[in-house]
């Protein structure tokens, strides 16, 4: 199985739903992905943590936060993943 992960994501979803993206929510797996993709500090700054809605009715994310969430979405999927360097460039900012 392959995953295609866009940097942009639907803005009407909570961050948790955006990362799980159709997969069942597994607390242990989700926590491991959040830690692996350096999202713990990002979620700590959001009003509702991983359940914060982003977009028109929610908060705005930085380019680095968007990149880390996209990476987390790819890692959370049950498949082999190929990540391009350009997707990681903003994650280090």
PDB file of N, CA and C in Angstrom:
ATOM      1  N   UNK A   1       0.840  -1.168   0.000  1.00  0.00           N
ATOM      2  CA  UNK A   1       0.000   0.000   0.000  1.00  0.00           C
ATOM      3  C   UNK A   1       0.886   1.232   0.000  1.00  0.00           C
ATOM      4  N   UNK A   2       0.423   2.298  -0.617  1.00  0.00           N
ATOM      5  CA  UNK A   2       1.169   3.553  -0.684  1.00  0.00           C
ATOM      6  C   UNK A   2       0.338   4.679  -0.102  1.00  0.00           C
ATOM      7  N   UNK A   3       1.013   5.701   0.383  1.00  0.00           N
ATOM      8  CA  UNK A   3       0.326   6.886   0.898  1.00  0.00           C
ATOM      9  C   UNK A   3       0.802   8.094   0.117  1.00  0.00           C
ATOM     10  N   UNK A   4      -0.122   8.906  -0.297  1.00  0.00           N
ATOM     11  CA  UNK A   4       0.192  10.183  -0.917  1.00  0.00           C
ATOM     12  C   UNK A   4      -0.250  11.244   0.070  1.00  0.00           C
ATOM     13  N   UNK A   5       0.689  12.024   0.539  1.00  0.00           N
ATOM     14  CA  UNK A   5       0.366  12.998   1.569  1.00  0.00           C
ATOM     15  C   UNK A   5       0.700  14.387   1.067  1.00  0.00           C
ATOM     16  N   UNK A   6      -0.313  15.202   0.986  1.00  0.00           N
ATOM     17  CA  UNK A   6      -0.159  16.587   0.571  1.00  0.00           C
ATOM     18  C   UNK A   6       0.245  17.429   1.767  1.00  0.00           C
ATOM     19  N   UNK A   7       0.956  18.511   1.525  1.00  0.00           N
ATOM     20  CA  UNK A   7       1.311  19.406   2.626  1.00  0.00           C
ATOM     21  C   UNK A   7       0.075  20.124   3.134  1.00  0.00           C
ATOM     22  N   UNK A   8      -0.835  20.448   2.234  1.00  0.00           N
ATOM     23  CA  UNK A   8      -2.067  21.093   2.681  1.00  0.00           C
ATOM     24  C   UNK A   8      -3.072  20.026   3.067  1.00  0.00           C
ATOM     25  N   UNK A   9      -3.896  20.348   4.039  1.00  0.00           N
ATOM     26  CA  UNK A   9      -4.884  19.392   4.526  1.00  0.00           C
ATOM     27  C   UNK A   9      -6.210  20.100   4.707  1.00  0.00           C
ATOM     28  N   UNK A  10      -7.284  19.343   4.755  1.00  0.00           N
ATOM     29  CA  UNK A  10      -8.580  19.974   4.971  1.00  0.00           C
ATOM     30  C   UNK A  10      -8.559  20.792   6.253  1.00  0.00           C
ATOM     31  N   UNK A  11      -8.974  22.043   6.163  1.00  0.00           N
ATOM     32  CA  UNK A  11      -8.872  22.932   7.314  1.00  0.00           C
ATOM     33  C   UNK A  11     -10.003  22.747   8.307  1.00  0.00           C
ATOM     34  N   UNK A  12     -11.031  22.017   7.947  1.00  0.00           N
ATOM     35  CA  UNK A  12     -12.167  21.878   8.851  1.00  0.00           C
ATOM     36  C   UNK A  12     -12.001  20.727   9.840  1.00  0.00           C
ATOM     37  N   UNK A  13     -10.899  20.010   9.765  1.00  0.00           N
ATOM     38  CA  UNK A  13     -10.685  18.867  10.654  1.00  0.00           C
ATOM     39  C   UNK A  13      -9.826  19.253  11.851  1.00  0.00           C
ATOM     40  N   UNK A  14     -10.065  18.577  12.975  1.00  0.00           N
ATOM     41  CA  UNK A  14      -9.170  18.712  14.117  1.00  0.00           C
ATOM     42  C   UNK A  14      -7.847  18.063  13.738  1.00  0.00           C
ATOM     43  N   UNK A  15      -6.768  18.459  14.377  1.00  0.00           N
ATOM     44  CA  UNK A  15      -5.443  17.923  14.052  1.00  0.00           C
ATOM     45  C   UNK A  15      -5.412  16.405  14.196  1.00  0.00           C
ATOM     46  N   UNK A  16      -6.052  15.851  15.210  1.00  0.00           N
ATOM     47  CA  UNK A  16      -6.047  14.397  15.384  1.00  0.00           C
ATOM     48  C   UNK A  16      -6.692  13.719  14.181  1.00  0.00           C
ATOM     49  N   UNK A  17      -7.837  14.226  13.746  1.00  0.00           N
ATOM     50  CA  UNK A  17      -8.524  13.635  12.591  1.00  0.00           C
ATOM     51  C   UNK A  17      -7.697  13.777  11.329  1.00  0.00           C
ATOM     52  N   UNK A  18      -6.979  14.884  11.230  1.00  0.00           N
ATOM     53  CA  UNK A  18      -6.147  15.122  10.064  1.00  0.00           C
ATOM     54  C   UNK A  18      -4.990  14.127  10.001  1.00  0.00           C
ATOM     55  N   UNK A  19      -4.435  13.781  11.135  1.00  0.00           N
ATOM     56  CA  UNK A  19      -3.327  12.828  11.177  1.00  0.00           C
ATOM     57  C   UNK A  19      -3.824  11.401  10.947  1.00  0.00           C
ATOM     58  N   UNK A  20      -4.912  11.032  11.580  1.00  0.00           N
ATOM     59  CA  UNK A  20      -5.448   9.661  11.439  1.00  0.00           C
ATOM     60  C   UNK A  20      -5.996   9.427  10.037  1.00  0.00           C
ATOM     61  N   UNK A  21      -6.579  10.407   9.439  1.00  0.00           N
ATOM     62  CA  UNK A  21      -7.012  10.420   8.031  1.00  0.00           C
ATOM     63  C   UNK A  21      -7.590   9.099   7.541  1.00  0.00           C
ATOM     64  N   UNK A  22      -8.675   8.664   8.171  1.00  0.00           N
ATOM     65  CA  UNK A  22      -9.347   7.455   7.724  1.00  0.00           C
ATOM     66  C   UNK A  22      -8.927   6.192   8.441  1.00  0.00           C
ATOM     67  N   UNK A  23      -7.808   6.220   9.131  1.00  0.00           N
ATOM     68  CA  UNK A  23      -7.367   5.078   9.932  1.00  0.00           C
ATOM     69  C   UNK A  23      -8.065   5.150  11.289  1.00  0.00           C
ATOM     70  N   UNK A  24      -8.218   4.007  11.944  1.00  0.00           N
ATOM     71  CA  UNK A  24      -8.769   3.994  13.293  1.00  0.00           C
ATOM     72  C   UNK A  24      -7.804   4.693  14.242  1.00  0.00           C
ATOM     73  N   UNK A  25      -8.370   5.429  15.205  1.00  0.00           N
ATOM     74  CA  UNK A  25      -7.553   6.118  16.206  1.00  0.00           C
ATOM     75  C   UNK A  25      -7.051   5.106  17.224  1.00  0.00           C
ATOM     76  N   UNK A  26      -5.739   5.006  17.327  1.00  0.00           N
ATOM     77  CA  UNK A  26      -5.087   4.132  18.288  1.00  0.00           C
ATOM     78  C   UNK A  26      -4.225   5.028  19.174  1.00  0.00           C
ATOM     79  N   UNK A  27      -4.570   5.111  20.452  1.00  0.00           N
ATOM     80  CA  UNK A  27      -3.906   6.049  21.360  1.00  0.00           C
ATOM     81  C   UNK A  27      -2.394   5.858  21.385  1.00  0.00           C
ATOM     82  N   UNK A  28      -1.941   4.629  21.560  1.00  0.00           N
ATOM     83  CA  UNK A  28      -0.502   4.371  21.647  1.00  0.00           C
ATOM     84  C   UNK A  28       0.205   4.732  20.349  1.00  0.00           C
ATOM     85  N   UNK A  29      -0.365   4.313  19.227  1.00  0.00           N
ATOM     86  CA  UNK A  29       0.239   4.609  17.922  1.00  0.00           C
ATOM     87  C   UNK A  29       0.251   6.109  17.669  1.00  0.00           C
ATOM     88  N   UNK A  30      -0.860   6.780  17.974  1.00  0.00           N
ATOM     89  CA  UNK A  30      -0.957   8.220  17.770  1.00  0.00           C
ATOM     90  C   UNK A  30       0.100   8.948  18.603  1.00  0.00           C
ATOM     91  N   UNK A  31       0.218   8.585  19.882  1.00  0.00           N
ATOM     92  CA  UNK A  31       1.215   9.228  20.753  1.00  0.00           C
ATOM     93  C   UNK A  31       2.632   9.018  20.243  1.00  0.00           C
ATOM     94  N   UNK A  32       2.908   7.824  19.745  1.00  0.00           N
ATOM     95  CA  UNK A  32       4.234   7.534  19.204  1.00  0.00           C
ATOM     96  C   UNK A  32       4.522   8.388  17.967  1.00  0.00           C
ATOM     97  N   UNK A  33       3.537   8.544  17.098  1.00  0.00           N
ATOM     98  CA  UNK A  33       3.699   9.359  15.892  1.00  0.00           C
ATOM     99  C   UNK A  33       3.879  10.824  16.263  1.00  0.00           C
ATOM    100  N   UNK A  34       3.093  11.313  17.214  1.00  0.00           N
ATOM    101  CA  UNK A  34       3.214  12.709  17.655  1.00  0.00           C
ATOM    102  C   UNK A  34       4.617  12.971  18.193  1.00  0.00           C
ATOM    103  N   UNK A  35       5.128  12.058  18.983  1.00  0.00           N
ATOM    104  CA  UNK A  35       6.482  12.205  19.533  1.00  0.00           C
ATOM    105  C   UNK A  35       7.528  12.131  18.424  1.00  0.00           C
ATOM    106  N   UNK A  36       7.393  11.164  17.541  1.00  0.00           N
ATOM    107  CA  UNK A  36       8.334  10.952  16.439  1.00  0.00           C
ATOM    108  C   UNK A  36       8.407  12.162  15.503  1.00  0.00           C
ATOM    109  N   UNK A  37       7.283  12.814  15.298  1.00  0.00           N
ATOM    110  CA  UNK A  37       7.213  13.941  14.354  1.00  0.00           C
ATOM    111  C   UNK A  37       7.315  15.296  15.048  1.00  0.00           C
ATOM    112  N   UNK A  38       7.731  15.305  16.304  1.00  0.00           N
ATOM    113  CA  UNK A  38       7.987  16.534  17.066  1.00  0.00           C
ATOM    114  C   UNK A  38       6.760  17.445  17.143  1.00  0.00           C
ATOM    115  N   UNK A  39       5.592  16.849  17.376  1.00  0.00           N
ATOM    116  CA  UNK A  39       4.361  17.632  17.472  1.00  0.00           C
ATOM    117  C   UNK A  39       3.916  17.882  18.913  1.00  0.00           C
ATOM    118  N   UNK A  40       4.558  17.264  19.880  1.00  0.00           N
ATOM    119  CA  UNK A  40       4.128  17.397  21.278  1.00  0.00           C
ATOM    120  C   UNK A  40       4.099  18.868  21.708  1.00  0.00           C
ATOM    121  N   UNK A  41       5.170  19.615  21.436  1.00  0.00           N
ATOM    122  CA  UNK A  41       5.220  21.031  21.819  1.00  0.00           C
ATOM    123  C   UNK A  41       4.193  21.850  21.043  1.00  0.00           C
ATOM    124  N   UNK A  42       3.990  21.511  19.763  1.00  0.00           N
ATOM    125  CA  UNK A  42       2.990  22.230  18.961  1.00  0.00           C
ATOM    126  C   UNK A  42       1.599  22.057  19.566  1.00  0.00           C
ATOM    127  N   UNK A  43       1.243  20.826  19.911  1.00  0.00           N
ATOM    128  CA  UNK A  43      -0.081  20.559  20.470  1.00  0.00           C
ATOM    129  C   UNK A  43      -0.247  21.231  21.830  1.00  0.00           C
ATOM    130  N   UNK A  44       0.841  21.348  22.580  1.00  0.00           N
ATOM    131  CA  UNK A  44       0.776  21.987  23.897  1.00  0.00           C
ATOM    132  C   UNK A  44       0.416  23.465  23.790  1.00  0.00           C
ATOM    133  N   UNK A  45       0.753  24.089  22.666  1.00  0.00           N
ATOM    134  CA  UNK A  45       0.465  25.516  22.498  1.00  0.00           C
ATOM    135  C   UNK A  45      -0.920  25.780  21.903  1.00  0.00           C
ATOM    136  N   UNK A  46      -1.577  24.748  21.386  1.00  0.00           N
ATOM    137  CA  UNK A  46      -2.901  24.920  20.783  1.00  0.00           C
ATOM    138  C   UNK A  46      -3.976  24.856  21.861  1.00  0.00           C
ATOM    139  N   UNK A  47      -5.055  25.647  21.711  1.00  0.00           N
ATOM    140  CA  UNK A  47      -6.085  25.726  22.751  1.00  0.00           C
ATOM    141  C   UNK A  47      -6.704  24.383  23.146  1.00  0.00           C
ATOM    142  N   UNK A  48      -6.917  23.491  22.193  1.00  0.00           N
ATOM    143  CA  UNK A  48      -7.513  22.192  22.478  1.00  0.00           C
ATOM    144  C   UNK A  48      -6.579  21.043  22.104  1.00  0.00           C
ATOM    145  N   UNK A  49      -5.276  21.300  22.138  1.00  0.00           N
ATOM    146  CA  UNK A  49      -4.296  20.264  21.815  1.00  0.00           C
ATOM    147  C   UNK A  49      -4.531  19.655  20.448  1.00  0.00           C
ATOM    148  N   UNK A  50      -4.520  18.312  20.373  1.00  0.00           N
ATOM    149  CA  UNK A  50      -4.683  17.636  19.083  1.00  0.00           C
ATOM    150  C   UNK A  50      -6.118  17.684  18.570  1.00  0.00           C
ATOM    151  N   UNK A  51      -7.035  18.208  19.356  1.00  0.00           N
ATOM    152  CA  UNK A  51      -8.422  18.346  18.906  1.00  0.00           C
ATOM    153  C   UNK A  51      -8.734  19.770  18.437  1.00  0.00           C
ATOM    154  N   UNK A  52      -7.712  20.608  18.317  1.00  0.00           N
ATOM    155  CA  UNK A  52      -7.890  21.978  17.850  1.00  0.00           C
ATOM    156  C   UNK A  52      -8.221  21.996  16.375  1.00  0.00           C
ATOM    157  N   UNK A  53      -9.255  22.744  16.025  1.00  0.00           N
ATOM    158  CA  UNK A  53      -9.625  22.912  14.618  1.00  0.00           C
ATOM    159  C   UNK A  53      -8.768  24.021  14.031  1.00  0.00           C
ATOM    160  N   UNK A  54      -8.329  23.808  12.815  1.00  0.00           N
ATOM    161  CA  UNK A  54      -7.480  24.774  12.131  1.00  0.00           C
ATOM    162  C   UNK A  54      -8.206  25.279  10.901  1.00  0.00           C
ATOM    163  N   UNK A  55      -8.057  26.558  10.610  1.00  0.00           N
ATOM    164  CA  UNK A  55      -8.671  27.112   9.411  1.00  0.00           C
ATOM    165  C   UNK A  55      -9.578  28.285   9.735  1.00  0.00           C
ATOM    166  N   UNK A  56     -10.610  28.452   8.937  1.00  0.00           N
ATOM    167  CA  UNK A  56     -11.514  29.599   9.072  1.00  0.00           C
ATOM    168  C   UNK A  56     -12.043  29.767  10.488  1.00  0.00           C
ATOM    169  N   UNK A  57     -12.478  28.694  11.096  1.00  0.00           N
ATOM    170  CA  UNK A  57     -13.071  28.769  12.433  1.00  0.00           C
ATOM    171  C   UNK A  57     -12.093  28.424  13.544  1.00  0.00           C
ATOM    172  N   UNK A  58     -10.852  28.218  13.192  1.00  0.00           N
ATOM    173  CA  UNK A  58      -9.868  27.797  14.191  1.00  0.00           C
ATOM    174  C   UNK A  58      -8.612  28.634  14.137  1.00  0.00           C
ATOM    175  N   UNK A  59      -7.503  28.016  14.517  1.00  0.00           N
ATOM    176  CA  UNK A  59      -6.225  28.709  14.575  1.00  0.00           C
ATOM    177  C   UNK A  59      -5.472  28.563  13.249  1.00  0.00           C
ATOM    178  N   UNK A  60      -4.421  29.346  13.098  1.00  0.00           N
ATOM    179  CA  UNK A  60      -3.564  29.279  11.920  1.00  0.00           C
ATOM    180  C   UNK A  60      -2.256  28.595  12.314  1.00  0.00           C
ATOM    181  N   UNK A  61      -1.779  27.714  11.445  1.00  0.00           N
ATOM    182  CA  UNK A  61      -0.528  27.003  11.714  1.00  0.00           C
ATOM    183  C   UNK A  61       0.614  27.615  10.917  1.00  0.00           C
ATOM    184  N   UNK A  62       1.822  27.511  11.449  1.00  0.00           N
ATOM    185  CA  UNK A  62       3.011  27.949  10.725  1.00  0.00           C
ATOM    186  C   UNK A  62       3.341  26.923   9.639  1.00  0.00           C
ATOM    187  N   UNK A  63       4.238  27.272   8.756  1.00  0.00           N
ATOM    188  CA  UNK A  63       4.674  26.347   7.706  1.00  0.00           C
ATOM    189  C   UNK A  63       5.314  25.100   8.290  1.00  0.00           C
ATOM    190  N   UNK A  64       6.104  25.262   9.355  1.00  0.00           N
ATOM    191  CA  UNK A  64       6.743  24.123  10.003  1.00  0.00           C
ATOM    192  C   UNK A  64       5.729  23.198  10.651  1.00  0.00           C
ATOM    193  N   UNK A  65       4.706  23.780  11.288  1.00  0.00           N
ATOM    194  CA  UNK A  65       3.651  22.966  11.908  1.00  0.00           C
ATOM    195  C   UNK A  65       2.880  22.184  10.849  1.00  0.00           C
ATOM    196  N   UNK A  66       2.580  22.833   9.733  1.00  0.00           N
ATOM    197  CA  UNK A  66       1.876  22.146   8.639  1.00  0.00           C
ATOM    198  C   UNK A  66       2.711  20.980   8.109  1.00  0.00           C
ATOM    199  N   UNK A  67       4.017  21.200   7.974  1.00  0.00           N
ATOM    200  CA  UNK A  67       4.906  20.146   7.472  1.00  0.00           C
ATOM    201  C   UNK A  67       4.974  18.977   8.448  1.00  0.00           C
ATOM    202  N   UNK A  68       5.061  19.270   9.754  1.00  0.00           N
ATOM    203  CA  UNK A  68       5.120  18.202  10.752  1.00  0.00           C
ATOM    204  C   UNK A  68       3.820  17.404  10.801  1.00  0.00           C
ATOM    205  N   UNK A  69       2.689  18.075  10.628  1.00  0.00           N
ATOM    206  CA  UNK A  69       1.399  17.373  10.615  1.00  0.00           C
ATOM    207  C   UNK A  69       1.290  16.497   9.366  1.00  0.00           C
ATOM    208  N   UNK A  70       1.744  16.994   8.237  1.00  0.00           N
ATOM    209  CA  UNK A  70       1.739  16.184   7.014  1.00  0.00           C
ATOM    210  C   UNK A  70       2.626  14.957   7.167  1.00  0.00           C
ATOM    211  N   UNK A  71       3.788  15.147   7.768  1.00  0.00           N
ATOM    212  CA  UNK A  71       4.687  14.022   8.014  1.00  0.00           C
ATOM    213  C   UNK A  71       4.023  13.015   8.958  1.00  0.00           C
ATOM    214  N   UNK A  72       3.376  13.507  10.001  1.00  0.00           N
ATOM    215  CA  UNK A  72       2.687  12.623  10.950  1.00  0.00           C
ATOM    216  C   UNK A  72       1.569  11.847  10.258  1.00  0.00           C
ATOM    217  N   UNK A  73       0.857  12.493   9.346  1.00  0.00           N
ATOM    218  CA  UNK A  73      -0.204  11.812   8.597  1.00  0.00           C
ATOM    219  C   UNK A  73       0.374  10.656   7.788  1.00  0.00           C
ATOM    220  N   UNK A  74       1.534  10.871   7.177  1.00  0.00           N
ATOM    221  CA  UNK A  74       2.179   9.820   6.384  1.00  0.00           C
ATOM    222  C   UNK A  74       2.672   8.694   7.278  1.00  0.00           C
ATOM    223  N   UNK A  75       3.258   9.026   8.417  1.00  0.00           N
ATOM    224  CA  UNK A  75       3.795   8.022   9.330  1.00  0.00           C
ATOM    225  C   UNK A  75       2.672   7.198   9.950  1.00  0.00           C
ATOM    226  N   UNK A  76       1.536   7.824  10.242  1.00  0.00           N
ATOM    227  CA  UNK A  76       0.421   7.131  10.893  1.00  0.00           C
ATOM    228  C   UNK A  76      -0.232   6.096   9.979  1.00  0.00           C
ATOM    229  N   UNK A  77      -0.185   6.326   8.677  1.00  0.00           N
ATOM    230  CA  UNK A  77      -0.809   5.400   7.738  1.00  0.00           C
ATOM    231  C   UNK A  77      -0.124   4.043   7.782  1.00  0.00           C
ATOM    232  N   UNK A  78      -0.890   2.992   7.567  1.00  0.00           N
ATOM    233  CA  UNK A  78      -0.361   1.633   7.574  1.00  0.00           C
ATOM    234  C   UNK A  78       0.091   1.302   6.151  1.00  0.00           C
ATOM    235  N   UNK A  79       1.336   1.678   5.832  1.00  0.00           N
ATOM    236  CA  UNK A  79       1.882   1.413   4.501  1.00  0.00           C
ATOM    237  C   UNK A  79       3.359   1.790   4.485  1.00  0.00           C
ATOM    238  N   UNK A  80       3.993   1.484   3.368  1.00  0.00           N
ATOM    239  CA  UNK A  80       5.372   1.931   3.152  1.00  0.00           C
ATOM    240  C   UNK A  80       5.297   3.367   2.668  1.00  0.00           C
ATOM    241  N   UNK A  81       6.192   4.201   3.160  1.00  0.00           N
ATOM    242  CA  UNK A  81       6.118   5.628   2.874  1.00  0.00           C
ATOM    243  C   UNK A  81       7.433   6.108   2.282  1.00  0.00           C
ATOM    244  N   UNK A  82       7.338   6.922   1.269  1.00  0.00           N
ATOM    245  CA  UNK A  82       8.487   7.620   0.726  1.00  0.00           C
ATOM    246  C   UNK A  82       8.291   9.093   1.024  1.00  0.00           C
ATOM    247  N   UNK A  83       9.255   9.714   1.679  1.00  0.00           N
ATOM    248  CA  UNK A  83       9.153  11.121   2.042  1.00  0.00           C
ATOM    249  C   UNK A  83      10.187  11.896   1.252  1.00  0.00           C
ATOM    250  N   UNK A  84       9.750  12.930   0.586  1.00  0.00           N
ATOM    251  CA  UNK A  84      10.667  13.786  -0.160  1.00  0.00           C
ATOM    252  C   UNK A  84      11.307  14.781   0.777  1.00  0.00           C
ATOM    253  N   UNK A  85      12.531  15.154   0.507  1.00  0.00           N
ATOM    254  CA  UNK A  85      13.256  16.100   1.331  1.00  0.00           C
ATOM    255  C   UNK A  85      12.514  17.413   1.461  1.00  0.00           C
ATOM    256  N   UNK A  86      11.881  17.882   0.404  1.00  0.00           N
ATOM    257  CA  UNK A  86      11.197  19.179   0.460  1.00  0.00           C
ATOM    258  C   UNK A  86      10.092  19.178   1.500  1.00  0.00           C
ATOM    259  N   UNK A  87       9.511  18.025   1.793  1.00  0.00           N
ATOM    260  CA  UNK A  87       8.476  17.966   2.825  1.00  0.00           C
ATOM    261  C   UNK A  87       9.064  18.176   4.206  1.00  0.00           C
ATOM    262  N   UNK A  88      10.336  17.855   4.392  1.00  0.00           N
ATOM    263  CA  UNK A  88      10.981  17.990   5.692  1.00  0.00           C
ATOM    264  C   UNK A  88      11.658  19.346   5.872  1.00  0.00           C
ATOM    265  N   UNK A  89      11.863  20.079   4.810  1.00  0.00           N
ATOM    266  CA  UNK A  89      12.596  21.337   4.894  1.00  0.00           C
ATOM    267  C   UNK A  89      11.974  22.289   5.897  1.00  0.00           C
ATOM    268  N   UNK A  90      10.657  22.496   5.830  1.00  0.00           N
ATOM    269  CA  UNK A  90       9.987  23.415   6.746  1.00  0.00           C
ATOM    270  C   UNK A  90       9.851  22.841   8.150  1.00  0.00           C
ATOM    271  N   UNK A  91       9.945  21.535   8.296  1.00  0.00           N
ATOM    272  CA  UNK A  91       9.790  20.910   9.609  1.00  0.00           C
ATOM    273  C   UNK A  91      10.915  21.288  10.555  1.00  0.00           C
ATOM    274  N   UNK A  92      12.053  21.672  10.013  1.00  0.00           N
ATOM    275  CA  UNK A  92      13.195  22.002  10.865  1.00  0.00           C
ATOM    276  C   UNK A  92      13.179  23.480  11.258  1.00  0.00           C
ATOM    277  N   UNK A  93      12.240  24.240  10.740  1.00  0.00           N
ATOM    278  CA  UNK A  93      12.211  25.681  11.041  1.00  0.00           C
ATOM    279  C   UNK A  93      11.468  25.972  12.319  1.00  0.00           C
TER     280      UNK A  93
END
